[in-house]
Amino acid sequence: MFEYGVIPLDLWVSQFVNWLVDNYRDVFQAIKWPIEQTLNGMDTGLNTVHPLIIIAVVALAAWRFSGIGLAIFTAISMVFIGLLGLWAETMTTLAMVLSSVLFCCLMGVPLGILAARSNRFDSVLRPVLDAMQTTPAFVYLVPIVMLFSVGNVAGVLATIVFAMPPIIRLTNLGIRQVHPELVEAAQAFGATEWQVLVRVQIPLAMATILAGLNQTIMMALSMVVIAALIGAGGLGSPVILGLNTLDIGLAVIGGIGIVLMAMVLDRITQSMAQRKK
């Protein structure tokens, strides 16, 4: 009854992507340019600065937001990563994560604010976010490669699409959870819509927004590793190489680097959210 190809959706999608590549290559190159410049700048900067300076800065941030315990754990973890011989890969991964999270915030926070202020926009955006979160990560890689070629920039673009939904959802949630009486009080004192948003709603929603940032960072880390399949560098490379050559030791040390980095970033951003509460 249901034969394969009755609805040739796969063919339609392939034709559509090919049409985009043929007719809008310049547009996609323009989209790629700011991401490429940001990524290259961060990657060059992180790999140029002396490792001890980076360790000190990250440990200081951990101490500032969480305490001495996390600062010590952060310093030990980063020194251990360096001793494993993965420092350059870790800095590349960090540059990819920071670049993707930066663009996720630049696009996601305004979209979350718009969704919080408009139920109609929220109802349109919600199924799009559902699709972005539930589509398997590997599915993003094929159209990204066709539209933007391979490499670190393509990996960041795939990561942006995959990791953006949490920051949008939790920005929306945080703004909506601000008590209406506080908004009415600000309006009663003559505050404009912009002043209410900037001085009342966003500060009160900041803890929830930072929780969304935390989730976005974690999803970005997971996607950056998968992006190694399309030529992105970083800590995903030893994992993929270990898989291809059945070198379990290489895969394990790559995985350890990813886990330690994820733990450090997770604890710092969680502590930032707790302080805002």
C-alpha atoms as a PDB file:
ATOM      1  CA  MET A   1       0.000   0.000   0.000  1.00  0.00           C
ATOM      2  CA  PHE A   2       2.634   2.480   1.045  1.00  0.00           C
ATOM      3  CA  GLU A   3       5.358   2.124  -1.531  1.00  0.00           C
ATOM      4  CA  TYR A   4       8.601   4.057  -1.242  1.00  0.00           C
ATOM      5  CA  GLY A   5       8.592   7.256  -3.226  1.00  0.00           C
ATOM      6  CA  VAL A   6       4.858   7.886  -3.497  1.00  0.00           C
ATOM      7  CA  ILE A   7       5.634  11.335  -2.134  1.00  0.00           C
ATOM      8  CA  PRO A   8       9.197  12.070  -3.338  1.00  0.00           C
ATOM      9  CA  LEU A   9       9.951  14.551  -0.557  1.00  0.00           C
ATOM     10  CA  ASP A  10      13.640  13.622  -0.555  1.00  0.00           C
ATOM     11  CA  LEU A  11      13.888  14.578  -4.241  1.00  0.00           C
ATOM     12  CA  TRP A  12      12.076  17.876  -3.669  1.00  0.00           C
ATOM     13  CA  VAL A  13      14.366  18.796  -0.786  1.00  0.00           C
ATOM     14  CA  SER A  14      17.484  17.956  -2.823  1.00  0.00           C
ATOM     15  CA  GLN A  15      16.232  20.022  -5.751  1.00  0.00           C
ATOM     16  CA  PHE A  16      15.428  22.931  -3.450  1.00  0.00           C
ATOM     17  CA  VAL A  17      18.880  22.923  -1.850  1.00  0.00           C
ATOM     18  CA  ASN A  18      20.536  22.663  -5.268  1.00  0.00           C
ATOM     19  CA  TRP A  19      18.443  25.631  -6.417  1.00  0.00           C
ATOM     20  CA  LEU A  20      19.573  27.645  -3.407  1.00  0.00           C
ATOM     21  CA  VAL A  21      23.212  26.784  -4.100  1.00  0.00           C
ATOM     22  CA  ASP A  22      22.926  27.756  -7.770  1.00  0.00           C
ATOM     23  CA  ASN A  23      21.061  31.039  -7.266  1.00  0.00           C
ATOM     24  CA  TYR A  24      21.986  32.389  -3.840  1.00  0.00           C
ATOM     25  CA  ARG A  25      25.635  31.472  -3.317  1.00  0.00           C
ATOM     26  CA  ASP A  26      26.559  35.144  -2.812  1.00  0.00           C
ATOM     27  CA  VAL A  27      23.932  35.479  -0.085  1.00  0.00           C
ATOM     28  CA  PHE A  28      25.281  32.489   1.800  1.00  0.00           C
ATOM     29  CA  GLN A  29      28.827  33.777   1.457  1.00  0.00           C
ATOM     30  CA  ALA A  30      27.675  37.081   2.949  1.00  0.00           C
ATOM     31  CA  ILE A  31      26.090  35.192   5.853  1.00  0.00           C
ATOM     32  CA  LYS A  32      29.280  33.208   6.297  1.00  0.00           C
ATOM     33  CA  TRP A  33      31.636  36.220   6.367  1.00  0.00           C
ATOM     34  CA  PRO A  34      30.926  37.701   9.849  1.00  0.00           C
ATOM     35  CA  ILE A  35      30.929  34.244  11.423  1.00  0.00           C
ATOM     36  CA  GLU A  36      34.214  33.385   9.717  1.00  0.00           C
ATOM     37  CA  GLN A  37      35.844  36.630  10.871  1.00  0.00           C
ATOM     38  CA  THR A  38      34.638  36.174  14.456  1.00  0.00           C
ATOM     39  CA  LEU A  39      35.739  32.553  14.592  1.00  0.00           C
ATOM     40  CA  ASN A  40      39.153  33.196  13.056  1.00  0.00           C
ATOM     41  CA  GLY A  41      39.758  36.106  15.405  1.00  0.00           C
ATOM     42  CA  MET A  42      38.844  34.103  18.504  1.00  0.00           C
ATOM     43  CA  ASP A  43      40.767  31.029  17.355  1.00  0.00           C
ATOM     44  CA  THR A  44      43.908  33.034  16.580  1.00  0.00           C
ATOM     45  CA  GLY A  45      43.655  34.969  19.828  1.00  0.00           C
ATOM     46  CA  LEU A  46      43.147  31.934  22.063  1.00  0.00           C
ATOM     47  CA  ASN A  47      45.957  29.993  20.404  1.00  0.00           C
ATOM     48  CA  THR A  48      48.328  32.981  20.526  1.00  0.00           C
ATOM     49  CA  VAL A  49      47.919  33.922  24.182  1.00  0.00           C
ATOM     50  CA  HIS A  50      50.131  31.981  26.594  1.00  0.00           C
ATOM     51  CA  PRO A  51      48.260  29.019  28.130  1.00  0.00           C
ATOM     52  CA  LEU A  52      48.998  30.140  31.702  1.00  0.00           C
ATOM     53  CA  ILE A  53      47.274  33.464  31.051  1.00  0.00           C
ATOM     54  CA  ILE A  54      44.152  31.723  29.740  1.00  0.00           C
ATOM     55  CA  ILE A  55      44.151  29.312  32.676  1.00  0.00           C
ATOM     56  CA  ALA A  56      44.457  32.227  35.096  1.00  0.00           C
ATOM     57  CA  VAL A  57      41.639  34.186  33.439  1.00  0.00           C
ATOM     58  CA  VAL A  58      39.214  31.238  33.357  1.00  0.00           C
ATOM     59  CA  ALA A  59      40.091  30.240  36.926  1.00  0.00           C
ATOM     60  CA  LEU A  60      39.562  33.835  38.050  1.00  0.00           C
ATOM     61  CA  ALA A  61      36.139  33.868  36.379  1.00  0.00           C
ATOM     62  CA  ALA A  62      35.273  30.586  38.126  1.00  0.00           C
ATOM     63  CA  TRP A  63      36.382  32.045  41.489  1.00  0.00           C
ATOM     64  CA  ARG A  64      34.437  35.262  40.856  1.00  0.00           C
ATOM     65  CA  PHE A  65      31.138  33.546  40.093  1.00  0.00           C
ATOM     66  CA  SER A  66      31.350  30.353  42.149  1.00  0.00           C
ATOM     67  CA  GLY A  67      34.211  30.249  44.610  1.00  0.00           C
ATOM     68  CA  ILE A  68      37.647  28.905  45.277  1.00  0.00           C
ATOM     69  CA  GLY A  69      36.628  25.265  44.824  1.00  0.00           C
ATOM     70  CA  LEU A  70      35.558  25.695  41.205  1.00  0.00           C
ATOM     71  CA  ALA A  71      38.593  27.889  40.522  1.00  0.00           C
ATOM     72  CA  ILE A  72      40.942  25.117  41.682  1.00  0.00           C
ATOM     73  CA  PHE A  73      39.022  22.491  39.680  1.00  0.00           C
ATOM     74  CA  THR A  74      39.141  24.731  36.599  1.00  0.00           C
ATOM     75  CA  ALA A  75      42.893  25.290  36.852  1.00  0.00           C
ATOM     76  CA  ILE A  76      43.611  21.590  37.394  1.00  0.00           C
ATOM     77  CA  SER A  77      41.312  20.574  34.510  1.00  0.00           C
ATOM     78  CA  MET A  78      42.917  22.979  32.040  1.00  0.00           C
ATOM     79  CA  VAL A  79      46.449  22.022  33.067  1.00  0.00           C
ATOM     80  CA  PHE A  80      45.482  18.345  32.654  1.00  0.00           C
ATOM     81  CA  ILE A  81      44.097  19.053  29.176  1.00  0.00           C
ATOM     82  CA  GLY A  82      47.381  20.725  28.269  1.00  0.00           C
ATOM     83  CA  LEU A  83      49.400  17.789  29.572  1.00  0.00           C
ATOM     84  CA  LEU A  84      47.315  15.473  27.382  1.00  0.00           C
ATOM     85  CA  GLY A  85      48.605  17.418  24.376  1.00  0.00           C
ATOM     86  CA  LEU A  86      45.175  18.791  23.477  1.00  0.00           C
ATOM     87  CA  TRP A  87      45.644  22.468  24.254  1.00  0.00           C
ATOM     88  CA  ALA A  88      45.438  23.728  20.644  1.00  0.00           C
ATOM     89  CA  GLU A  89      42.382  21.556  19.941  1.00  0.00           C
ATOM     90  CA  THR A  90      40.730  22.763  23.147  1.00  0.00           C
ATOM     91  CA  MET A  91      41.268  26.410  22.239  1.00  0.00           C
ATOM     92  CA  THR A  92      39.820  25.792  18.766  1.00  0.00           C
ATOM     93  CA  THR A  93      36.788  24.113  20.311  1.00  0.00           C
ATOM     94  CA  LEU A  94      36.415  26.970  22.793  1.00  0.00           C
ATOM     95  CA  ALA A  95      36.599  29.492  19.928  1.00  0.00           C
ATOM     96  CA  MET A  96      33.909  27.580  18.028  1.00  0.00           C
ATOM     97  CA  VAL A  97      31.665  27.375  21.090  1.00  0.00           C
ATOM     98  CA  LEU A  98      32.104  31.051  21.983  1.00  0.00           C
ATOM     99  CA  SER A  99      31.482  32.133  18.371  1.00  0.00           C
ATOM    100  CA  SER A 100      28.343  30.038  18.012  1.00  0.00           C
ATOM    101  CA  VAL A 101      26.988  31.077  21.432  1.00  0.00           C
ATOM    102  CA  LEU A 102      27.659  34.752  20.626  1.00  0.00           C
ATOM    103  CA  PHE A 103      25.555  34.565  17.462  1.00  0.00           C
ATOM    104  CA  CYS A 104      22.924  32.454  19.236  1.00  0.00           C
ATOM    105  CA  CYS A 105      22.552  35.239  21.815  1.00  0.00           C
ATOM    106  CA  LEU A 106      22.561  38.029  19.225  1.00  0.00           C
ATOM    107  CA  MET A 107      19.694  36.359  17.361  1.00  0.00           C
ATOM    108  CA  GLY A 108      18.035  34.318  20.106  1.00  0.00           C
ATOM    109  CA  VAL A 109      17.501  36.951  22.804  1.00  0.00           C
ATOM    110  CA  PRO A 110      15.668  39.416  20.494  1.00  0.00           C
ATOM    111  CA  LEU A 111      13.546  36.560  19.107  1.00  0.00           C
ATOM    112  CA  GLY A 112      12.715  35.463  22.652  1.00  0.00           C
ATOM    113  CA  ILE A 113      11.706  39.021  23.575  1.00  0.00           C
ATOM    114  CA  LEU A 114       9.485  39.285  20.494  1.00  0.00           C
ATOM    115  CA  ALA A 115       7.891  35.932  21.335  1.00  0.00           C
ATOM    116  CA  ALA A 116       7.218  37.105  24.893  1.00  0.00           C
ATOM    117  CA  ARG A 117       5.522  40.279  23.664  1.00  0.00           C
ATOM    118  CA  SER A 118       3.440  38.670  20.918  1.00  0.00           C
ATOM    119  CA  ASN A 119       1.400  35.494  21.365  1.00  0.00           C
ATOM    120  CA  ARG A 120       0.911  35.257  17.609  1.00  0.00           C
ATOM    121  CA  PHE A 121       4.655  35.367  16.930  1.00  0.00           C
ATOM    122  CA  ASP A 122       5.186  32.832  19.731  1.00  0.00           C
ATOM    123  CA  SER A 123       2.677  30.416  18.185  1.00  0.00           C
ATOM    124  CA  VAL A 124       4.490  30.666  14.829  1.00  0.00           C
ATOM    125  CA  LEU A 125       7.951  30.341  16.356  1.00  0.00           C
ATOM    126  CA  ARG A 126       7.209  27.394  18.660  1.00  0.00           C
ATOM    127  CA  PRO A 127       6.914  24.671  15.958  1.00  0.00           C
ATOM    128  CA  VAL A 128      10.067  25.987  14.299  1.00  0.00           C
ATOM    129  CA  LEU A 129      11.953  25.618  17.586  1.00  0.00           C
ATOM    130  CA  ASP A 130      10.460  22.151  18.067  1.00  0.00           C
ATOM    131  CA  ALA A 131      11.791  21.124  14.660  1.00  0.00           C
ATOM    132  CA  MET A 132      15.227  22.641  15.369  1.00  0.00           C
ATOM    133  CA  GLN A 133      15.516  20.766  18.674  1.00  0.00           C
ATOM    134  CA  THR A 134      14.213  17.378  17.538  1.00  0.00           C
ATOM    135  CA  THR A 135      15.864  17.117  14.120  1.00  0.00           C
ATOM    136  CA  PRO A 136      18.862  14.754  14.467  1.00  0.00           C
ATOM    137  CA  ALA A 137      22.116  16.671  14.587  1.00  0.00           C
ATOM    138  CA  PHE A 138      23.577  14.767  11.631  1.00  0.00           C
ATOM    139  CA  VAL A 139      20.740  15.979   9.390  1.00  0.00           C
ATOM    140  CA  TYR A 140      22.007  19.561   9.659  1.00  0.00           C
ATOM    141  CA  LEU A 141      25.397  18.643   8.268  1.00  0.00           C
ATOM    142  CA  VAL A 142      24.445  17.809   4.658  1.00  0.00           C
ATOM    143  CA  PRO A 143      22.700  21.092   3.733  1.00  0.00           C
ATOM    144  CA  ILE A 144      25.290  23.094   5.693  1.00  0.00           C
ATOM    145  CA  VAL A 145      28.098  21.505   3.663  1.00  0.00           C
ATOM    146  CA  MET A 146      26.268  22.131   0.386  1.00  0.00           C
ATOM    147  CA  LEU A 147      25.550  25.766   1.247  1.00  0.00           C
ATOM    148  CA  PHE A 148      28.732  26.746   3.089  1.00  0.00           C
ATOM    149  CA  SER A 149      31.362  24.095   2.198  1.00  0.00           C
ATOM    150  CA  VAL A 150      33.325  22.239   4.907  1.00  0.00           C
ATOM    151  CA  GLY A 151      35.499  23.403   7.793  1.00  0.00           C
ATOM    152  CA  ASN A 152      35.217  25.191  11.103  1.00  0.00           C
ATOM    153  CA  VAL A 153      32.839  27.873   9.832  1.00  0.00           C
ATOM    154  CA  ALA A 154      30.384  25.272   8.549  1.00  0.00           C
ATOM    155  CA  GLY A 155      30.610  23.566  11.943  1.00  0.00           C
ATOM    156  CA  VAL A 156      29.794  26.843  13.722  1.00  0.00           C
ATOM    157  CA  LEU A 157      26.817  27.470  11.424  1.00  0.00           C
ATOM    158  CA  ALA A 158      25.423  24.004  12.131  1.00  0.00           C
ATOM    159  CA  THR A 159      26.011  24.601  15.845  1.00  0.00           C
ATOM    160  CA  ILE A 160      24.130  27.913  15.755  1.00  0.00           C
ATOM    161  CA  VAL A 161      21.055  26.261  14.264  1.00  0.00           C
ATOM    162  CA  PHE A 162      21.210  23.350  16.704  1.00  0.00           C
ATOM    163  CA  ALA A 163      21.958  25.331  19.883  1.00  0.00           C
ATOM    164  CA  MET A 164      19.758  28.414  19.488  1.00  0.00           C
ATOM    165  CA  PRO A 165      16.335  27.120  20.698  1.00  0.00           C
ATOM    166  CA  PRO A 166      17.100  27.075  24.475  1.00  0.00           C
ATOM    167  CA  ILE A 167      18.119  30.734  24.618  1.00  0.00           C
ATOM    168  CA  ILE A 168      14.985  31.714  22.671  1.00  0.00           C
ATOM    169  CA  ARG A 169      12.649  29.598  24.787  1.00  0.00           C
ATOM    170  CA  LEU A 170      14.046  30.657  28.153  1.00  0.00           C
ATOM    171  CA  THR A 171      14.232  34.338  27.200  1.00  0.00           C
ATOM    172  CA  ASN A 172      10.565  34.090  26.241  1.00  0.00           C
ATOM    173  CA  LEU A 173       9.761  32.295  29.497  1.00  0.00           C
ATOM    174  CA  GLY A 174      11.756  34.708  31.648  1.00  0.00           C
ATOM    175  CA  ILE A 175      10.066  37.805  30.203  1.00  0.00           C
ATOM    176  CA  ARG A 176       6.617  36.243  30.564  1.00  0.00           C
ATOM    177  CA  GLN A 177       7.292  35.321  34.204  1.00  0.00           C
ATOM    178  CA  VAL A 178       7.889  38.944  35.232  1.00  0.00           C
ATOM    179  CA  HIS A 179       4.900  39.872  37.397  1.00  0.00           C
ATOM    180  CA  PRO A 180       2.436  42.110  35.501  1.00  0.00           C
ATOM    181  CA  GLU A 181       2.063  44.413  38.522  1.00  0.00           C
ATOM    182  CA  LEU A 182       5.747  45.328  38.292  1.00  0.00           C
ATOM    183  CA  VAL A 183       5.310  46.246  34.642  1.00  0.00           C
ATOM    184  CA  GLU A 184       2.176  48.253  35.420  1.00  0.00           C
ATOM    185  CA  ALA A 185       3.980  50.078  38.235  1.00  0.00           C
ATOM    186  CA  ALA A 186       6.801  51.082  35.887  1.00  0.00           C
ATOM    187  CA  GLN A 187       4.300  52.269  33.276  1.00  0.00           C
ATOM    188  CA  ALA A 188       2.423  54.231  35.943  1.00  0.00           C
ATOM    189  CA  PHE A 189       5.638  56.154  36.693  1.00  0.00           C
ATOM    190  CA  GLY A 190       5.881  57.123  33.022  1.00  0.00           C
ATOM    191  CA  ALA A 191       8.336  54.514  31.746  1.00  0.00           C
ATOM    192  CA  THR A 192       8.271  53.861  28.016  1.00  0.00           C
ATOM    193  CA  GLU A 193       7.973  50.358  26.549  1.00  0.00           C
ATOM    194  CA  TRP A 194      11.732  50.299  25.949  1.00  0.00           C
ATOM    195  CA  GLN A 195      12.482  51.424  29.517  1.00  0.00           C
ATOM    196  CA  VAL A 196      10.135  48.788  30.929  1.00  0.00           C
ATOM    197  CA  LEU A 197      11.901  46.129  28.886  1.00  0.00           C
ATOM    198  CA  VAL A 198      15.477  47.216  29.661  1.00  0.00           C
ATOM    199  CA  ARG A 199      15.081  48.302  33.286  1.00  0.00           C
ATOM    200  CA  VAL A 200      12.380  45.951  34.582  1.00  0.00           C
ATOM    201  CA  GLN A 201      11.707  42.865  32.471  1.00  0.00           C
ATOM    202  CA  ILE A 202      15.213  41.902  31.315  1.00  0.00           C
ATOM    203  CA  PRO A 203      16.878  42.376  34.750  1.00  0.00           C
ATOM    204  CA  LEU A 204      14.163  40.324  36.465  1.00  0.00           C
ATOM    205  CA  ALA A 205      14.332  37.657  33.748  1.00  0.00           C
ATOM    206  CA  MET A 206      18.149  37.532  33.710  1.00  0.00           C
ATOM    207  CA  ALA A 207      18.427  34.370  35.834  1.00  0.00           C
ATOM    208  CA  THR A 208      16.159  32.487  33.421  1.00  0.00           C
ATOM    209  CA  ILE A 209      17.976  33.916  30.391  1.00  0.00           C
ATOM    210  CA  LEU A 210      21.314  32.772  31.844  1.00  0.00           C
ATOM    211  CA  ALA A 211      19.831  29.297  32.355  1.00  0.00           C
ATOM    212  CA  GLY A 212      19.053  29.344  28.632  1.00  0.00           C
ATOM    213  CA  LEU A 213      22.627  30.452  27.954  1.00  0.00           C
ATOM    214  CA  ASN A 214      23.859  27.488  29.976  1.00  0.00           C
ATOM    215  CA  GLN A 215      21.778  25.059  27.912  1.00  0.00           C
ATOM    216  CA  THR A 216      22.882  26.705  24.675  1.00  0.00           C
ATOM    217  CA  ILE A 217      26.544  26.283  25.643  1.00  0.00           C
ATOM    218  CA  MET A 218      26.030  22.599  26.450  1.00  0.00           C
ATOM    219  CA  MET A 219      24.241  21.965  23.145  1.00  0.00           C
ATOM    220  CA  ALA A 220      26.924  23.907  21.282  1.00  0.00           C
ATOM    221  CA  LEU A 221      29.632  21.714  22.800  1.00  0.00           C
ATOM    222  CA  SER A 222      27.842  18.542  21.746  1.00  0.00           C
ATOM    223  CA  MET A 223      27.303  19.818  18.199  1.00  0.00           C
ATOM    224  CA  VAL A 224      30.868  21.093  17.793  1.00  0.00           C
ATOM    225  CA  VAL A 225      32.082  17.527  18.323  1.00  0.00           C
ATOM    226  CA  ILE A 226      29.683  16.163  15.706  1.00  0.00           C
ATOM    227  CA  ALA A 227      30.757  18.937  13.337  1.00  0.00           C
ATOM    228  CA  ALA A 228      34.197  17.306  13.170  1.00  0.00           C
ATOM    229  CA  LEU A 229      32.565  14.997  10.610  1.00  0.00           C
ATOM    230  CA  ILE A 230      32.459  17.909   8.149  1.00  0.00           C
ATOM    231  CA  GLY A 231      36.015  19.036   8.694  1.00  0.00           C
ATOM    232  CA  ALA A 232      35.650  21.180  11.804  1.00  0.00           C
ATOM    233  CA  GLY A 233      38.695  20.963  14.034  1.00  0.00           C
ATOM    234  CA  GLY A 234      38.973  21.002  17.790  1.00  0.00           C
ATOM    235  CA  LEU A 235      38.398  18.223  20.282  1.00  0.00           C
ATOM    236  CA  GLY A 236      36.035  16.436  17.932  1.00  0.00           C
ATOM    237  CA  SER A 237      38.925  15.574  15.616  1.00  0.00           C
ATOM    238  CA  PRO A 238      40.677  13.045  17.917  1.00  0.00           C
ATOM    239  CA  VAL A 239      37.309  11.479  18.731  1.00  0.00           C
ATOM    240  CA  ILE A 240      36.425  11.018  15.045  1.00  0.00           C
ATOM    241  CA  LEU A 241      39.953   9.904  14.177  1.00  0.00           C
ATOM    242  CA  GLY A 242      39.897   7.415  17.042  1.00  0.00           C
ATOM    243  CA  LEU A 243      36.573   6.086  15.772  1.00  0.00           C
ATOM    244  CA  ASN A 244      37.829   5.723  12.201  1.00  0.00           C
ATOM    245  CA  THR A 245      41.066   3.989  13.220  1.00  0.00           C
ATOM    246  CA  LEU A 246      39.639   2.086  16.204  1.00  0.00           C
ATOM    247  CA  ASP A 247      42.185   3.881  18.411  1.00  0.00           C
ATOM    248  CA  ILE A 248      40.316   3.824  21.714  1.00  0.00           C
ATOM    249  CA  GLY A 249      43.048   5.736  23.556  1.00  0.00           C
ATOM    250  CA  LEU A 250      42.850   8.692  21.159  1.00  0.00           C
ATOM    251  CA  ALA A 251      39.058   8.753  21.354  1.00  0.00           C
ATOM    252  CA  VAL A 252      39.137   8.599  25.164  1.00  0.00           C
ATOM    253  CA  ILE A 253      41.515  11.520  25.640  1.00  0.00           C
ATOM    254  CA  GLY A 254      39.438  13.589  23.201  1.00  0.00           C
ATOM    255  CA  GLY A 255      36.328  12.690  25.165  1.00  0.00           C
ATOM    256  CA  ILE A 256      38.010  13.575  28.469  1.00  0.00           C
ATOM    257  CA  GLY A 257      38.933  16.996  27.114  1.00  0.00           C
ATOM    258  CA  ILE A 258      35.343  17.609  26.028  1.00  0.00           C
ATOM    259  CA  VAL A 259      33.926  16.471  29.380  1.00  0.00           C
ATOM    260  CA  LEU A 260      36.284  18.662  31.429  1.00  0.00           C
ATOM    261  CA  MET A 261      35.602  21.672  29.252  1.00  0.00           C
ATOM    262  CA  ALA A 262      31.854  21.106  29.482  1.00  0.00           C
ATOM    263  CA  MET A 263      32.009  20.803  33.270  1.00  0.00           C
ATOM    264  CA  VAL A 264      33.942  24.057  33.628  1.00  0.00           C
ATOM    265  CA  LEU A 265      31.630  26.037  31.339  1.00  0.00           C
ATOM    266  CA  ASP A 266      28.521  24.481  32.875  1.00  0.00           C
ATOM    267  CA  ARG A 267      29.516  25.280  36.474  1.00  0.00           C
ATOM    268  CA  ILE A 268      30.501  28.863  35.645  1.00  0.00           C
ATOM    269  CA  THR A 269      27.278  29.673  33.792  1.00  0.00           C
ATOM    270  CA  GLN A 270      25.150  27.915  36.411  1.00  0.00           C
ATOM    271  CA  SER A 271      26.808  29.998  39.108  1.00  0.00           C
ATOM    272  CA  MET A 272      26.128  33.160  37.103  1.00  0.00           C
ATOM    273  CA  ALA A 273      22.424  32.261  36.961  1.00  0.00           C
ATOM    274  CA  GLN A 274      22.310  31.480  40.683  1.00  0.00           C
ATOM    275  CA  ARG A 275      23.885  34.843  41.526  1.00  0.00           C
ATOM    276  CA  LYS A 276      21.250  36.634  39.465  1.00  0.00           C
ATOM    277  CA  LYS A 277      18.486  34.836  41.368  1.00  0.00           C
END
